């Protein structure tokens, strides 16, 4: 039952992503003002180049991510039910979608908002996003080694902050 629900959520997320990409009318809505990307083209390229180095080791990266996350905050471990390899695959797939959409995060904003709201159901708190970001940067540093330059770290930090803010704003909008 739980895996069926997770599969449904993943399918729904990708459907929303695909729908947002294919529906030009959604992009032209009057209430949405296009803002320039806070990431420069050079930063986006740094992220993409570094991500290409992570992809071949994505399974190990996901394992390291969850190990580091639970090390940084053992209280989050009970939030993860089921097999972590399935969760790790979802994490890597989501990161891949984000990396592919960095030039226009508005394309995946609905997907990120839905994920933020869904994470509330799992018990995720706003403070957990900071720990997740720290675990992600640590994994990138471990995997990229000498290729994890201060510029790469800054670019990934900004990108993660953008994604986390979209998710948090959606999830905790009523609390503000």
Protein backbone atom coordinates (compact mmCIF):
# COMPACT_ATOMS: atom_id res chain seq x y z
CA UNK A 1 0.00 0.00 0.00
CA UNK A 2 2.76 2.44 1.00
CA UNK A 3 4.79 1.72 -2.15
CA UNK A 4 1.69 2.13 -4.28
CA UNK A 5 1.13 5.55 -2.73
CA UNK A 6 4.76 6.53 -3.30
CA UNK A 7 4.58 5.44 -6.94
CA UNK A 8 1.38 7.45 -7.35
CA UNK A 9 3.06 10.52 -5.87
CA UNK A 10 6.09 10.18 -8.16
CA UNK A 11 3.87 9.72 -11.21
CA UNK A 12 1.74 12.72 -10.22
CA UNK A 13 4.86 14.85 -9.72
CA UNK A 14 6.18 14.01 -13.16
CA UNK A 15 2.76 14.55 -14.71
CA UNK A 16 2.61 18.03 -13.16
CA UNK A 17 6.13 18.74 -14.39
CA UNK A 18 5.27 17.60 -17.90
CA UNK A 19 1.97 19.51 -17.92
CA UNK A 20 3.67 22.73 -16.84
CA UNK A 21 6.26 22.36 -19.59
CA UNK A 22 3.68 21.72 -22.30
CA UNK A 23 1.07 24.32 -21.36
CA UNK A 24 2.25 27.73 -22.61
CA UNK A 25 -0.91 29.37 -21.29
CA UNK A 26 0.19 28.65 -17.73
CA UNK A 27 3.39 30.61 -18.36
CA UNK A 28 1.43 33.58 -19.67
CA UNK A 29 -0.78 34.00 -16.61
CA UNK A 30 -1.07 37.66 -15.72
CA UNK A 31 -0.37 37.20 -12.02
CA UNK A 32 3.03 35.59 -12.63
CA UNK A 33 5.87 37.99 -13.12
CA UNK A 34 8.99 36.51 -14.61
CA UNK A 35 12.00 37.34 -12.51
CA UNK A 36 15.58 36.91 -13.63
CA UNK A 37 17.25 33.76 -12.39
CA UNK A 38 19.40 34.45 -9.35
CA UNK A 39 21.87 31.93 -10.70
CA UNK A 40 24.22 33.17 -13.38
CA UNK A 41 24.76 31.17 -16.55
CA UNK A 42 28.23 30.34 -15.25
CA UNK A 43 26.80 29.01 -11.98
CA UNK A 44 24.23 26.93 -13.83
CA UNK A 45 27.01 25.47 -15.94
CA UNK A 46 29.07 24.68 -12.82
CA UNK A 47 26.10 22.83 -11.35
CA UNK A 48 25.47 20.92 -14.57
CA UNK A 49 29.12 19.99 -15.00
CA UNK A 50 29.43 18.83 -11.41
CA UNK A 51 26.14 16.93 -11.64
CA UNK A 52 27.53 15.00 -14.63
CA UNK A 53 30.29 13.79 -12.30
CA UNK A 54 27.73 12.72 -9.67
CA UNK A 55 25.38 10.81 -11.98
CA UNK A 56 27.66 7.77 -12.40
CA UNK A 57 27.83 7.41 -8.61
CA UNK A 58 24.20 8.37 -7.89
CA UNK A 59 23.40 5.20 -5.91
CA UNK A 60 26.41 5.69 -3.64
CA UNK A 61 25.67 9.42 -3.41
CA UNK A 62 22.13 8.68 -2.23
CA UNK A 63 23.43 6.20 0.37
CA UNK A 64 25.94 8.77 1.62
CA UNK A 65 23.26 11.45 1.68
CA UNK A 66 20.93 9.51 3.98
CA UNK A 67 23.78 8.33 6.19
CA UNK A 68 24.93 11.94 6.59
CA UNK A 69 21.39 13.24 7.09
CA UNK A 70 20.77 10.74 9.90
CA UNK A 71 24.17 11.55 11.39
CA UNK A 72 23.40 15.28 11.41
CA UNK A 73 19.87 14.81 12.77
CA UNK A 74 18.98 11.31 14.02
CA UNK A 75 15.45 12.54 14.78
CA UNK A 76 14.60 12.57 11.05
CA UNK A 77 15.25 8.86 10.55
CA UNK A 78 11.73 7.80 11.61
CA UNK A 79 10.31 10.09 8.89
CA UNK A 80 11.63 7.63 6.29
CA UNK A 81 9.63 4.45 6.02
CA UNK A 82 10.34 1.73 3.53
CA UNK A 83 13.50 1.09 1.60
CA UNK A 84 15.99 3.91 1.39
CA UNK A 85 17.23 2.76 -2.00
CA UNK A 86 13.80 3.61 -3.45
CA UNK A 87 13.87 6.96 -1.64
CA UNK A 88 17.41 7.56 -2.87
CA UNK A 89 16.35 6.91 -6.44
CA UNK A 90 13.55 9.47 -6.06
CA UNK A 91 16.01 11.98 -4.60
CA UNK A 92 18.43 11.58 -7.50
CA UNK A 93 15.62 11.77 -10.06
CA UNK A 94 14.30 14.96 -8.47
CA UNK A 95 17.77 16.51 -8.39
CA UNK A 96 18.19 15.64 -12.05
CA UNK A 97 14.90 17.39 -12.89
CA UNK A 98 16.00 20.44 -10.89
CA UNK A 99 19.41 20.58 -12.58
CA UNK A 100 17.73 20.33 -15.99
CA UNK A 101 15.36 23.20 -15.06
CA UNK A 102 17.77 25.66 -13.45
CA UNK A 103 17.39 28.24 -16.19
CA UNK A 104 13.67 28.48 -15.45
CA UNK A 105 12.59 27.03 -12.12
CA UNK A 106 9.07 28.29 -12.80
CA UNK A 107 8.73 25.27 -15.09
CA UNK A 108 8.87 22.96 -12.08
CA UNK A 109 7.48 25.27 -9.43
CA UNK A 110 4.16 23.39 -9.23
CA UNK A 111 6.04 20.12 -8.74
CA UNK A 112 8.21 21.65 -6.00
CA UNK A 113 5.17 23.18 -4.28
CA UNK A 114 3.40 19.82 -4.31
CA UNK A 115 6.50 18.17 -2.87
CA UNK A 116 6.68 20.78 -0.13
CA UNK A 117 3.06 20.19 0.84
CA UNK A 118 3.54 16.42 0.71
CA UNK A 119 6.56 16.60 3.00
CA UNK A 120 4.33 18.13 5.70
CA UNK A 121 2.32 14.89 5.67
CA UNK A 122 5.52 12.95 6.36
CA UNK A 123 6.32 15.16 9.35
CA UNK A 124 9.00 17.34 7.79
CA UNK A 125 9.55 20.61 9.61
CA UNK A 126 10.94 23.83 8.15
CA UNK A 127 14.19 23.39 10.10
CA UNK A 128 14.83 20.05 8.39
CA UNK A 129 15.48 21.80 5.09
CA UNK A 130 18.68 23.28 6.50
CA UNK A 131 19.92 19.85 7.54
CA UNK A 132 19.04 18.40 4.14
CA UNK A 133 21.02 21.19 2.46
CA UNK A 134 24.02 20.54 4.67
CA UNK A 135 23.87 16.80 3.90
CA UNK A 136 23.58 17.48 0.17
CA UNK A 137 26.58 19.81 0.11
CA UNK A 138 28.61 17.32 2.15
CA UNK A 139 27.81 14.52 -0.32
CA UNK A 140 28.76 16.73 -3.25
CA UNK A 141 32.03 17.57 -1.53
CA UNK A 142 32.77 13.88 -0.90
CA UNK A 143 31.89 12.83 -4.43
CA UNK A 144 33.42 15.70 -6.37
CA UNK A 145 36.54 16.01 -4.21
CA UNK A 146 38.92 18.48 -5.92
CA UNK A 147 36.13 19.50 -8.31
CA UNK A 148 34.10 20.81 -5.37
CA UNK A 149 35.48 24.32 -5.57
CA UNK A 150 34.16 27.29 -3.58
CA UNK A 151 32.39 28.42 -6.77
CA UNK A 152 30.68 25.04 -7.18
CA UNK A 153 29.68 25.05 -3.53
CA UNK A 154 28.21 28.55 -3.83
CA UNK A 155 26.27 27.65 -6.98
CA UNK A 156 24.79 24.51 -5.38
CA UNK A 157 24.00 26.43 -2.19
CA UNK A 158 22.05 29.03 -4.14
CA UNK A 159 20.22 26.42 -6.19
CA UNK A 160 19.30 24.40 -3.12
CA UNK A 161 18.13 27.57 -1.36
CA UNK A 162 15.86 28.44 -4.28
CA UNK A 163 14.31 24.97 -4.34
CA UNK A 164 13.97 24.76 -0.55
CA UNK A 165 12.34 28.19 -0.40
CA UNK A 166 9.73 27.23 -2.98
CA UNK A 167 8.94 24.06 -1.08
CA UNK A 168 8.84 25.77 2.34
CA UNK A 169 6.76 28.72 1.16
CA UNK A 170 4.19 26.31 -0.24
CA UNK A 171 4.20 24.01 2.76
CA UNK A 172 4.18 26.59 5.51
CA UNK A 173 2.26 29.42 3.84
CA UNK A 174 -0.56 29.33 6.38
CA UNK A 175 1.86 29.56 9.31
CA UNK A 176 3.35 32.84 8.08
